[in-house]
Each structure stands twice: as C-alpha cells, then as structure tokens.
Amino acid sequence: CLQTLQQEWLWHCQAIGATDKAAI
C-alpha cells in the first residue's frame, strides 16, 4: 500500500511539472 501511494504521488507530481526534488 505504501509503495502504491508513493508511486502514484510521484507520478501525479511529475504530470504537473514538479521536479523530483520537490515531489519527494
């Protein structure tokens, strides 16, 4: 569940143009 939450969060952040640093 935690892995899924993290993966979905990072994907959605990337989709709106976030940097990896900001998303994490």
mmCIF file of all heavy atoms, coordinates in Angstrom:
data_MODEL
# 
_entry.id   MODEL 
# 
loop_
_atom_site.group_PDB 
_atom_site.id 
_atom_site.type_symbol 
_atom_site.label_atom_id 
_atom_site.label_alt_id 
_atom_site.label_comp_id 
_atom_site.label_asym_id 
_atom_site.label_entity_id 
_atom_site.label_seq_id 
_atom_site.pdbx_PDB_ins_code 
_atom_site.Cartn_x 
_atom_site.Cartn_y 
_atom_site.Cartn_z 
_atom_site.occupancy 
_atom_site.B_iso_or_equiv 
_atom_site.pdbx_formal_charge 
_atom_site.auth_seq_id 
_atom_site.auth_comp_id 
_atom_site.auth_asym_id 
_atom_site.auth_atom_id 
_atom_site.pdbx_PDB_model_num 
ATOM 1   N N   . CYS A 1 1  ? 0.830  -1.201 0.000   1.00 0.00 ? 1  CYS A N   1 
ATOM 2   C CA  . CYS A 1 1  ? 0.000  0.000  0.000   1.00 0.00 ? 1  CYS A CA  1 
ATOM 3   C C   . CYS A 1 1  ? 0.865  1.252  0.000   1.00 0.00 ? 1  CYS A C   1 
ATOM 4   O O   . CYS A 1 1  ? 0.621  2.197  -0.762  1.00 0.00 ? 1  CYS A O   1 
ATOM 5   C CB  . CYS A 1 1  ? -0.933 0.004  1.208   1.00 0.00 ? 1  CYS A CB  1 
ATOM 6   S SG  . CYS A 1 1  ? -1.986 1.465  1.343   1.00 0.00 ? 1  CYS A SG  1 
ATOM 7   N N   . LEU A 1 2  ? 1.904  1.264  0.842   1.00 0.00 ? 2  LEU A N   1 
ATOM 8   C CA  . LEU A 1 2  ? 2.802  2.414  0.916   1.00 0.00 ? 2  LEU A CA  1 
ATOM 9   C C   . LEU A 1 2  ? 3.527  2.626  -0.403  1.00 0.00 ? 2  LEU A C   1 
ATOM 10  O O   . LEU A 1 2  ? 3.691  3.762  -0.859  1.00 0.00 ? 2  LEU A O   1 
ATOM 11  C CB  . LEU A 1 2  ? 3.812  2.226  2.049   1.00 0.00 ? 2  LEU A CB  1 
ATOM 12  C CG  . LEU A 1 2  ? 3.270  2.323  3.470   1.00 0.00 ? 2  LEU A CG  1 
ATOM 13  C CD1 . LEU A 1 2  ? 4.383  2.025  4.475   1.00 0.00 ? 2  LEU A CD1 1 
ATOM 14  C CD2 . LEU A 1 2  ? 2.672  3.687  3.753   1.00 0.00 ? 2  LEU A CD2 1 
ATOM 15  N N   . GLN A 1 3  ? 3.952  1.535  -1.020  1.00 0.00 ? 3  GLN A N   1 
ATOM 16  C CA  . GLN A 1 3  ? 4.646  1.636  -2.299  1.00 0.00 ? 3  GLN A CA  1 
ATOM 17  C C   . GLN A 1 3  ? 3.726  2.203  -3.377  1.00 0.00 ? 3  GLN A C   1 
ATOM 18  O O   . GLN A 1 3  ? 4.138  3.054  -4.173  1.00 0.00 ? 3  GLN A O   1 
ATOM 19  C CB  . GLN A 1 3  ? 5.172  0.259  -2.719  1.00 0.00 ? 3  GLN A CB  1 
ATOM 20  C CG  . GLN A 1 3  ? 6.336  -0.238 -1.881  1.00 0.00 ? 3  GLN A CG  1 
ATOM 21  C CD  . GLN A 1 3  ? 6.748  -1.657 -2.233  1.00 0.00 ? 3  GLN A CD  1 
ATOM 22  O OE1 . GLN A 1 3  ? 5.991  -2.409 -2.853  1.00 0.00 ? 3  GLN A OE1 1 
ATOM 23  N NE2 . GLN A 1 3  ? 7.957  -2.042 -1.823  1.00 0.00 ? 3  GLN A NE2 1 
ATOM 24  N N   . THR A 1 4  ? 2.468  1.749  -3.374  1.00 0.00 ? 4  THR A N   1 
ATOM 25  C CA  . THR A 1 4  ? 1.500  2.252  -4.344  1.00 0.00 ? 4  THR A CA  1 
ATOM 26  C C   . THR A 1 4  ? 1.240  3.733  -4.139  1.00 0.00 ? 4  THR A C   1 
ATOM 27  O O   . THR A 1 4  ? 1.197  4.517  -5.092  1.00 0.00 ? 4  THR A O   1 
ATOM 28  C CB  . THR A 1 4  ? 0.177  1.469  -4.240  1.00 0.00 ? 4  THR A CB  1 
ATOM 29  O OG1 . THR A 1 4  ? 0.418  0.094  -4.539  1.00 0.00 ? 4  THR A OG1 1 
ATOM 30  C CG2 . THR A 1 4  ? -0.864 2.014  -5.212  1.00 0.00 ? 4  THR A CG2 1 
ATOM 31  N N   . LEU A 1 5  ? 1.070  4.142  -2.873  1.00 0.00 ? 5  LEU A N   1 
ATOM 32  C CA  . LEU A 1 5  ? 0.845  5.555  -2.568  1.00 0.00 ? 5  LEU A CA  1 
ATOM 33  C C   . LEU A 1 5  ? 2.018  6.409  -3.050  1.00 0.00 ? 5  LEU A C   1 
ATOM 34  O O   . LEU A 1 5  ? 1.821  7.473  -3.642  1.00 0.00 ? 5  LEU A O   1 
ATOM 35  C CB  . LEU A 1 5  ? 0.645  5.742  -1.066  1.00 0.00 ? 5  LEU A CB  1 
ATOM 36  C CG  . LEU A 1 5  ? -0.680 5.259  -0.468  1.00 0.00 ? 5  LEU A CG  1 
ATOM 37  C CD1 . LEU A 1 5  ? -0.649 5.367  1.056   1.00 0.00 ? 5  LEU A CD1 1 
ATOM 38  C CD2 . LEU A 1 5  ? -1.856 6.049  -1.024  1.00 0.00 ? 5  LEU A CD2 1 
ATOM 39  N N   . GLN A 1 6  ? 3.228  5.954  -2.796  1.00 0.00 ? 6  GLN A N   1 
ATOM 40  C CA  . GLN A 1 6  ? 4.410  6.707  -3.220  1.00 0.00 ? 6  GLN A CA  1 
ATOM 41  C C   . GLN A 1 6  ? 4.487  6.807  -4.738  1.00 0.00 ? 6  GLN A C   1 
ATOM 42  O O   . GLN A 1 6  ? 4.753  7.891  -5.288  1.00 0.00 ? 6  GLN A O   1 
ATOM 43  C CB  . GLN A 1 6  ? 5.680  6.034  -2.689  1.00 0.00 ? 6  GLN A CB  1 
ATOM 44  C CG  . GLN A 1 6  ? 5.843  6.125  -1.177  1.00 0.00 ? 6  GLN A CG  1 
ATOM 45  C CD  . GLN A 1 6  ? 7.142  5.507  -0.704  1.00 0.00 ? 6  GLN A CD  1 
ATOM 46  O OE1 . GLN A 1 6  ? 8.210  5.941  -1.096  1.00 0.00 ? 6  GLN A OE1 1 
ATOM 47  N NE2 . GLN A 1 6  ? 7.047  4.489  0.130   1.00 0.00 ? 6  GLN A NE2 1 
ATOM 48  N N   . GLN A 1 7  ? 4.265  5.702  -5.407  1.00 0.00 ? 7  GLN A N   1 
ATOM 49  C CA  . GLN A 1 7  ? 4.358  5.678  -6.868  1.00 0.00 ? 7  GLN A CA  1 
ATOM 50  C C   . GLN A 1 7  ? 3.323  6.605  -7.494  1.00 0.00 ? 7  GLN A C   1 
ATOM 51  O O   . GLN A 1 7  ? 3.633  7.366  -8.422  1.00 0.00 ? 7  GLN A O   1 
ATOM 52  C CB  . GLN A 1 7  ? 4.172  4.245  -7.386  1.00 0.00 ? 7  GLN A CB  1 
ATOM 53  C CG  . GLN A 1 7  ? 5.343  3.328  -7.065  1.00 0.00 ? 7  GLN A CG  1 
ATOM 54  C CD  . GLN A 1 7  ? 5.015  1.862  -7.296  1.00 0.00 ? 7  GLN A CD  1 
ATOM 55  O OE1 . GLN A 1 7  ? 3.891  1.502  -7.672  1.00 0.00 ? 7  GLN A OE1 1 
ATOM 56  N NE2 . GLN A 1 7  ? 6.000  1.001  -7.070  1.00 0.00 ? 7  GLN A NE2 1 
ATOM 57  N N   . GLU A 1 8  ? 2.088  6.546  -6.997  1.00 0.00 ? 8  GLU A N   1 
ATOM 58  C CA  . GLU A 1 8  ? 1.028  7.394  -7.536  1.00 0.00 ? 8  GLU A CA  1 
ATOM 59  C C   . GLU A 1 8  ? 1.330  8.862  -7.263  1.00 0.00 ? 8  GLU A C   1 
ATOM 60  O O   . GLU A 1 8  ? 1.100  9.727  -8.120  1.00 0.00 ? 8  GLU A O   1 
ATOM 61  C CB  . GLU A 1 8  ? -0.324 7.006  -6.939  1.00 0.00 ? 8  GLU A CB  1 
ATOM 62  C CG  . GLU A 1 8  ? -0.838 5.661  -7.422  1.00 0.00 ? 8  GLU A CG  1 
ATOM 63  C CD  . GLU A 1 8  ? -2.204 5.327  -6.853  1.00 0.00 ? 8  GLU A CD  1 
ATOM 64  O OE1 . GLU A 1 8  ? -2.660 6.049  -5.935  1.00 0.00 ? 8  GLU A OE1 1 
ATOM 65  O OE2 . GLU A 1 8  ? -2.814 4.352  -7.320  1.00 0.00 ? 8  GLU A OE2 1 
ATOM 66  N N   . TRP A 1 9  ? 1.828  9.165  -6.060  1.00 0.00 ? 9  TRP A N   1 
ATOM 67  C CA  . TRP A 1 9  ? 2.157  10.546 -5.717  1.00 0.00 ? 9  TRP A CA  1 
ATOM 68  C C   . TRP A 1 9  ? 3.219  11.103 -6.672  1.00 0.00 ? 9  TRP A C   1 
ATOM 69  O O   . TRP A 1 9  ? 3.058  12.185 -7.231  1.00 0.00 ? 9  TRP A O   1 
ATOM 70  C CB  . TRP A 1 9  ? 2.652  10.620 -4.276  1.00 0.00 ? 9  TRP A CB  1 
ATOM 71  C CG  . TRP A 1 9  ? 3.236  11.961 -3.935  1.00 0.00 ? 9  TRP A CG  1 
ATOM 72  C CD1 . TRP A 1 9  ? 4.560  12.312 -3.948  1.00 0.00 ? 9  TRP A CD1 1 
ATOM 73  C CD2 . TRP A 1 9  ? 2.514  13.153 -3.588  1.00 0.00 ? 9  TRP A CD2 1 
ATOM 74  N NE1 . TRP A 1 9  ? 4.708  13.641 -3.624  1.00 0.00 ? 9  TRP A NE1 1 
ATOM 75  C CE2 . TRP A 1 9  ? 3.471  14.177 -3.403  1.00 0.00 ? 9  TRP A CE2 1 
ATOM 76  C CE3 . TRP A 1 9  ? 1.168  13.441 -3.415  1.00 0.00 ? 9  TRP A CE3 1 
ATOM 77  C CZ2 . TRP A 1 9  ? 3.115  15.471 -3.053  1.00 0.00 ? 9  TRP A CZ2 1 
ATOM 78  C CZ3 . TRP A 1 9  ? 0.801  14.738 -3.052  1.00 0.00 ? 9  TRP A CZ3 1 
ATOM 79  C CH2 . TRP A 1 9  ? 1.767  15.735 -2.881  1.00 0.00 ? 9  TRP A CH2 1 
ATOM 80  N N   . LEU A 1 10 ? 4.296  10.361 -6.850  1.00 0.00 ? 10 LEU A N   1 
ATOM 81  C CA  . LEU A 1 10 ? 5.391  10.834 -7.697  1.00 0.00 ? 10 LEU A CA  1 
ATOM 82  C C   . LEU A 1 10 ? 4.927  10.990 -9.146  1.00 0.00 ? 10 LEU A C   1 
ATOM 83  O O   . LEU A 1 10 ? 5.302  11.950 -9.830  1.00 0.00 ? 10 LEU A O   1 
ATOM 84  C CB  . LEU A 1 10 ? 6.582  9.869  -7.607  1.00 0.00 ? 10 LEU A CB  1 
ATOM 85  C CG  . LEU A 1 10 ? 7.253  9.811  -6.232  1.00 0.00 ? 10 LEU A CG  1 
ATOM 86  C CD1 . LEU A 1 10 ? 8.327  8.718  -6.205  1.00 0.00 ? 10 LEU A CD1 1 
ATOM 87  C CD2 . LEU A 1 10 ? 7.861  11.149 -5.847  1.00 0.00 ? 10 LEU A CD2 1 
ATOM 88  N N   . TRP A 1 11 ? 4.109  10.071 -9.620  1.00 0.00 ? 11 TRP A N   1 
ATOM 89  C CA  . TRP A 1 11 ? 3.614  10.151 -10.999 1.00 0.00 ? 11 TRP A CA  1 
ATOM 90  C C   . TRP A 1 11 ? 2.760  11.400 -11.193 1.00 0.00 ? 11 TRP A C   1 
ATOM 91  O O   . TRP A 1 11 ? 2.924  12.127 -12.180 1.00 0.00 ? 11 TRP A O   1 
ATOM 92  C CB  . TRP A 1 11 ? 2.792  8.913  -11.348 1.00 0.00 ? 11 TRP A CB  1 
ATOM 93  C CG  . TRP A 1 11 ? 2.403  8.873  -12.799 1.00 0.00 ? 11 TRP A CG  1 
ATOM 94  C CD1 . TRP A 1 11 ? 3.098  8.289  -13.817 1.00 0.00 ? 11 TRP A CD1 1 
ATOM 95  C CD2 . TRP A 1 11 ? 1.237  9.461  -13.391 1.00 0.00 ? 11 TRP A CD2 1 
ATOM 96  N NE1 . TRP A 1 11 ? 2.437  8.484  -15.011 1.00 0.00 ? 11 TRP A NE1 1 
ATOM 97  C CE2 . TRP A 1 11 ? 1.292  9.198  -14.787 1.00 0.00 ? 11 TRP A CE2 1 
ATOM 98  C CE3 . TRP A 1 11 ? 0.148  10.182 -12.896 1.00 0.00 ? 11 TRP A CE3 1 
ATOM 99  C CZ2 . TRP A 1 11 ? 0.298  9.628  -15.676 1.00 0.00 ? 11 TRP A CZ2 1 
ATOM 100 C CZ3 . TRP A 1 11 ? -0.831 10.621 -13.777 1.00 0.00 ? 11 TRP A CZ3 1 
ATOM 101 C CH2 . TRP A 1 11 ? -0.755 10.336 -15.146 1.00 0.00 ? 11 TRP A CH2 1 
ATOM 102 N N   . HIS A 1 12 ? 1.841  11.671 -10.256 1.00 0.00 ? 12 HIS A N   1 
ATOM 103 C CA  . HIS A 1 12 ? 0.966  12.842 -10.378 1.00 0.00 ? 12 HIS A CA  1 
ATOM 104 C C   . HIS A 1 12 ? 1.761  14.143 -10.252 1.00 0.00 ? 12 HIS A C   1 
ATOM 105 O O   . HIS A 1 12 ? 1.433  15.132 -10.905 1.00 0.00 ? 12 HIS A O   1 
ATOM 106 C CB  . HIS A 1 12 ? -0.153 12.786 -9.335  1.00 0.00 ? 12 HIS A CB  1 
ATOM 107 C CG  . HIS A 1 12 ? -1.286 11.893 -9.720  1.00 0.00 ? 12 HIS A CG  1 
ATOM 108 N ND1 . HIS A 1 12 ? -1.250 10.526 -9.539  1.00 0.00 ? 12 HIS A ND1 1 
ATOM 109 C CD2 . HIS A 1 12 ? -2.494 12.164 -10.293 1.00 0.00 ? 12 HIS A CD2 1 
ATOM 110 C CE1 . HIS A 1 12 ? -2.374 9.999  -9.971  1.00 0.00 ? 12 HIS A CE1 1 
ATOM 111 N NE2 . HIS A 1 12 ? -3.146 10.958 -10.438 1.00 0.00 ? 12 HIS A NE2 1 
ATOM 112 N N   . CYS A 1 13 ? 2.775  14.132 -9.410  1.00 0.00 ? 13 CYS A N   1 
ATOM 113 C CA  . CYS A 1 13 ? 3.618  15.327 -9.292  1.00 0.00 ? 13 CYS A CA  1 
ATOM 114 C C   . CYS A 1 13 ? 4.367  15.582 -10.599 1.00 0.00 ? 13 CYS A C   1 
ATOM 115 O O   . CYS A 1 13 ? 4.438  16.728 -11.074 1.00 0.00 ? 13 CYS A O   1 
ATOM 116 C CB  . CYS A 1 13 ? 4.609  15.166 -8.139  1.00 0.00 ? 13 CYS A CB  1 
ATOM 117 S SG  . CYS A 1 13 ? 3.862  15.315 -6.502  1.00 0.00 ? 13 CYS A SG  1 
ATOM 118 N N   . GLN A 1 14 ? 4.926  14.540 -11.164 1.00 0.00 ? 14 GLN A N   1 
ATOM 119 C CA  . GLN A 1 14 ? 5.633  14.683 -12.430 1.00 0.00 ? 14 GLN A CA  1 
ATOM 120 C C   . GLN A 1 14 ? 4.695  15.176 -13.534 1.00 0.00 ? 14 GLN A C   1 
ATOM 121 O O   . GLN A 1 14 ? 5.088  15.977 -14.383 1.00 0.00 ? 14 GLN A O   1 
ATOM 122 C CB  . GLN A 1 14 ? 6.266  13.355 -12.832 1.00 0.00 ? 14 GLN A CB  1 
ATOM 123 C CG  . GLN A 1 14 ? 7.433  12.940 -11.945 1.00 0.00 ? 14 GLN A CG  1 
ATOM 124 C CD  . GLN A 1 14 ? 7.835  11.495 -12.132 1.00 0.00 ? 14 GLN A CD  1 
ATOM 125 O OE1 . GLN A 1 14 ? 7.220  10.752 -12.905 1.00 0.00 ? 14 GLN A OE1 1 
ATOM 126 N NE2 . GLN A 1 14 ? 8.864  11.076 -11.405 1.00 0.00 ? 14 GLN A NE2 1 
ATOM 127 N N   . ALA A 1 15 ? 3.445  14.729 -13.485 1.00 0.00 ? 15 ALA A N   1 
ATOM 128 C CA  . ALA A 1 15 ? 2.470  15.099 -14.514 1.00 0.00 ? 15 ALA A CA  1 
ATOM 129 C C   . ALA A 1 15 ? 2.141  16.586 -14.490 1.00 0.00 ? 15 ALA A C   1 
ATOM 130 O O   . ALA A 1 15 ? 1.717  17.143 -15.518 1.00 0.00 ? 15 ALA A O   1 
ATOM 131 C CB  . ALA A 1 15 ? 1.196  14.283 -14.349 1.00 0.00 ? 15 ALA A CB  1 
ATOM 132 N N   . ILE A 1 16 ? 2.306  17.255 -13.340 1.00 0.00 ? 16 ILE A N   1 
ATOM 133 C CA  . ILE A 1 16 ? 2.045  18.701 -13.290 1.00 0.00 ? 16 ILE A CA  1 
ATOM 134 C C   . ILE A 1 16 ? 3.341  19.507 -13.369 1.00 0.00 ? 16 ILE A C   1 
ATOM 135 O O   . ILE A 1 16 ? 3.334  20.718 -13.144 1.00 0.00 ? 16 ILE A O   1 
ATOM 136 C CB  . ILE A 1 16 ? 1.231  19.104 -12.035 1.00 0.00 ? 16 ILE A CB  1 
ATOM 137 C CG1 . ILE A 1 16 ? 2.013  18.830 -10.746 1.00 0.00 ? 16 ILE A CG1 1 
ATOM 138 C CG2 . ILE A 1 16 ? -0.127 18.403 -12.024 1.00 0.00 ? 16 ILE A CG2 1 
ATOM 139 C CD1 . ILE A 1 16 ? 1.343  19.408 -9.498  1.00 0.00 ? 16 ILE A CD1 1 
ATOM 140 N N   . GLY A 1 17 ? 4.439  18.805 -13.680 1.00 0.00 ? 17 GLY A N   1 
ATOM 141 C CA  . GLY A 1 17 ? 5.696  19.511 -13.912 1.00 0.00 ? 17 GLY A CA  1 
ATOM 142 C C   . GLY A 1 17 ? 6.613  19.653 -12.724 1.00 0.00 ? 17 GLY A C   1 
ATOM 143 O O   . GLY A 1 17 ? 7.570  20.421 -12.770 1.00 0.00 ? 17 GLY A O   1 
ATOM 144 N N   . ALA A 1 18 ? 6.346  18.917 -11.654 1.00 0.00 ? 18 ALA A N   1 
ATOM 145 C CA  . ALA A 1 18 ? 7.180  19.038 -10.455 1.00 0.00 ? 18 ALA A CA  1 
ATOM 146 C C   . ALA A 1 18 ? 8.551  18.414 -10.676 1.00 0.00 ? 18 ALA A C   1 
ATOM 147 O O   . ALA A 1 18 ? 8.696  17.427 -11.414 1.00 0.00 ? 18 ALA A O   1 
ATOM 148 C CB  . ALA A 1 18 ? 6.499  18.352 -9.277  1.00 0.00 ? 18 ALA A CB  1 
ATOM 149 N N   . THR A 1 19 ? 9.559  18.976 -10.043 1.00 0.00 ? 19 THR A N   1 
ATOM 150 C CA  . THR A 1 19 ? 10.877 18.355 -10.041 1.00 0.00 ? 19 THR A CA  1 
ATOM 151 C C   . THR A 1 19 ? 10.853 17.156 -9.098  1.00 0.00 ? 19 THR A C   1 
ATOM 152 O O   . THR A 1 19 ? 10.015 17.077 -8.187  1.00 0.00 ? 19 THR A O   1 
ATOM 153 C CB  . THR A 1 19 ? 11.947 19.347 -9.563  1.00 0.00 ? 19 THR A CB  1 
ATOM 154 O OG1 . THR A 1 19 ? 11.672 19.683 -8.179  1.00 0.00 ? 19 THR A OG1 1 
ATOM 155 C CG2 . THR A 1 19 ? 11.951 20.609 -10.410 1.00 0.00 ? 19 THR A CG2 1 
ATOM 156 N N   . ASP A 1 20 ? 11.755 16.233 -9.311  1.00 0.00 ? 20 ASP A N   1 
ATOM 157 C CA  . ASP A 1 20 ? 11.839 15.066 -8.421  1.00 0.00 ? 20 ASP A CA  1 
ATOM 158 C C   . ASP A 1 20 ? 12.105 15.512 -6.985  1.00 0.00 ? 20 ASP A C   1 
ATOM 159 O O   . ASP A 1 20 ? 11.555 14.950 -6.034  1.00 0.00 ? 20 ASP A O   1 
ATOM 160 C CB  . ASP A 1 20 ? 12.947 14.124 -8.882  1.00 0.00 ? 20 ASP A CB  1 
ATOM 161 C CG  . ASP A 1 20 ? 12.594 13.388 -10.167 1.00 0.00 ? 20 ASP A CG  1 
ATOM 162 O OD1 . ASP A 1 20 ? 11.406 13.393 -10.542 1.00 0.00 ? 20 ASP A OD1 1 
ATOM 163 O OD2 . ASP A 1 20 ? 13.505 12.822 -10.792 1.00 0.00 ? 20 ASP A OD2 1 
ATOM 164 N N   . LYS A 1 21 ? 12.948 16.528 -6.842  1.00 0.00 ? 21 LYS A N   1 
ATOM 165 C CA  . LYS A 1 21 ? 13.299 17.020 -5.502  1.00 0.00 ? 21 LYS A CA  1 
ATOM 166 C C   . LYS A 1 21 ? 12.068 17.533 -4.770  1.00 0.00 ? 21 LYS A C   1 
ATOM 167 O O   . LYS A 1 21 ? 11.841 17.200 -3.594  1.00 0.00 ? 21 LYS A O   1 
ATOM 168 C CB  . LYS A 1 21 ? 14.342 18.128 -5.620  1.00 0.00 ? 21 LYS A CB  1 
ATOM 169 C CG  . LYS A 1 21 ? 14.796 18.678 -4.273  1.00 0.00 ? 21 LYS A CG  1 
ATOM 170 C CD  . LYS A 1 21 ? 15.862 19.765 -4.449  1.00 0.00 ? 21 LYS A CD  1 
ATOM 171 C CE  . LYS A 1 21 ? 16.308 20.316 -3.099  1.00 0.00 ? 21 LYS A CE  1 
ATOM 172 N NZ  . LYS A 1 21 ? 17.346 21.381 -3.267  1.00 0.00 ? 21 LYS A NZ  1 
ATOM 173 N N   . ALA A 1 22 ? 11.232 18.343 -5.457  1.00 0.00 ? 22 ALA A N   1 
ATOM 174 C CA  . ALA A 1 22 ? 10.027 18.898 -4.830  1.00 0.00 ? 22 ALA A CA  1 
ATOM 175 C C   . ALA A 1 22 ? 9.013  17.794 -4.532  1.00 0.00 ? 22 ALA A C   1 
ATOM 176 O O   . ALA A 1 22 ? 8.378  17.792 -3.481  1.00 0.00 ? 22 ALA A O   1 
ATOM 177 C CB  . ALA A 1 22 ? 9.412  19.964 -5.726  1.00 0.00 ? 22 ALA A CB  1 
ATOM 178 N N   . ALA A 1 23 ? 8.859  16.870 -5.462  1.00 0.00 ? 23 ALA A N   1 
ATOM 179 C CA  . ALA A 1 23 ? 7.892  15.780 -5.274  1.00 0.00 ? 23 ALA A CA  1 
ATOM 180 C C   . ALA A 1 23 ? 8.256  14.934 -4.068  1.00 0.00 ? 23 ALA A C   1 
ATOM 181 O O   . ALA A 1 23 ? 7.393  14.581 -3.247  1.00 0.00 ? 23 ALA A O   1 
ATOM 182 C CB  . ALA A 1 23 ? 7.827  14.920 -6.531  1.00 0.00 ? 23 ALA A CB  1 
ATOM 183 N N   . ILE A 1 24 ? 9.527  14.587 -3.937  1.00 0.00 ? 24 ILE A N   1 
ATOM 184 C CA  . ILE A 1 24 ? 9.979  13.768 -2.808  1.00 0.00 ? 24 ILE A CA  1 
ATOM 185 C C   . ILE A 1 24 ? 9.889  14.549 -1.503  1.00 0.00 ? 24 ILE A C   1 
ATOM 186 O O   . ILE A 1 24 ? 9.487  14.006 -0.465  1.00 0.00 ? 24 ILE A O   1 
ATOM 187 C CB  . ILE A 1 24 ? 11.414 13.270 -3.060  1.00 0.00 ? 24 ILE A CB  1 
ATOM 188 C CG1 . ILE A 1 24 ? 11.416 12.271 -4.226  1.00 0.00 ? 24 ILE A CG1 1 
ATOM 189 C CG2 . ILE A 1 24 ? 11.993 12.616 -1.802  1.00 0.00 ? 24 ILE A CG2 1 
ATOM 190 C CD1 . ILE A 1 24 ? 12.798 11.897 -4.719  1.00 0.00 ? 24 ILE A CD1 1 
# 
